[in-house]
Amino acid sequence: LYRTDIHLPPLSMKALSVPNGLLTFFLVFYSGNCFTRYYAFYSKCMGMAGAVACWVGLLKINFPATKPTAIWNLARHVIASVYITYFQLGGDASDGGEDITDSEMMVLRDSYLLTNNELSTLTAYK
């Protein structure tokens, strides 16, 4: 990358003091801002996981003699709602969060969170 045909004047260290100071300030500020957003998002995600765990625990406590398949049918919609929330957050995988893609619908179907009838109702709702 060194070129001998371009000659630049020497740069004094005094000229770099202000840009270096600003660069350091903005780098620290931006990094702190990113970590603050990350930890806020992380706490919300853990809150959703905790709410699902509480819901399943309440199901087990309030319906102790119920078969596991019945408990699963009572809990799977709550779990599917968390999945859908993650799918709609954005990014290229979900078309920018505007819609749930067919591959994401297959995830919900293949993990037995939603049936085909429920998926068609969800698709019609959009």
Foldseek 3Di string as FASTA:
>chain_A
DDDPVDDDDDDDVVVCPVVVVVVVVVVVVVVVVVVVVVVVVVVVLVVLVVVLVVLLVVCCVVCVPDDPVVSCVVRLQSVVVSLLVVLQPADVCNPGSPHRDPVSVVVCPVVVSDDPVVSVVVVVVD
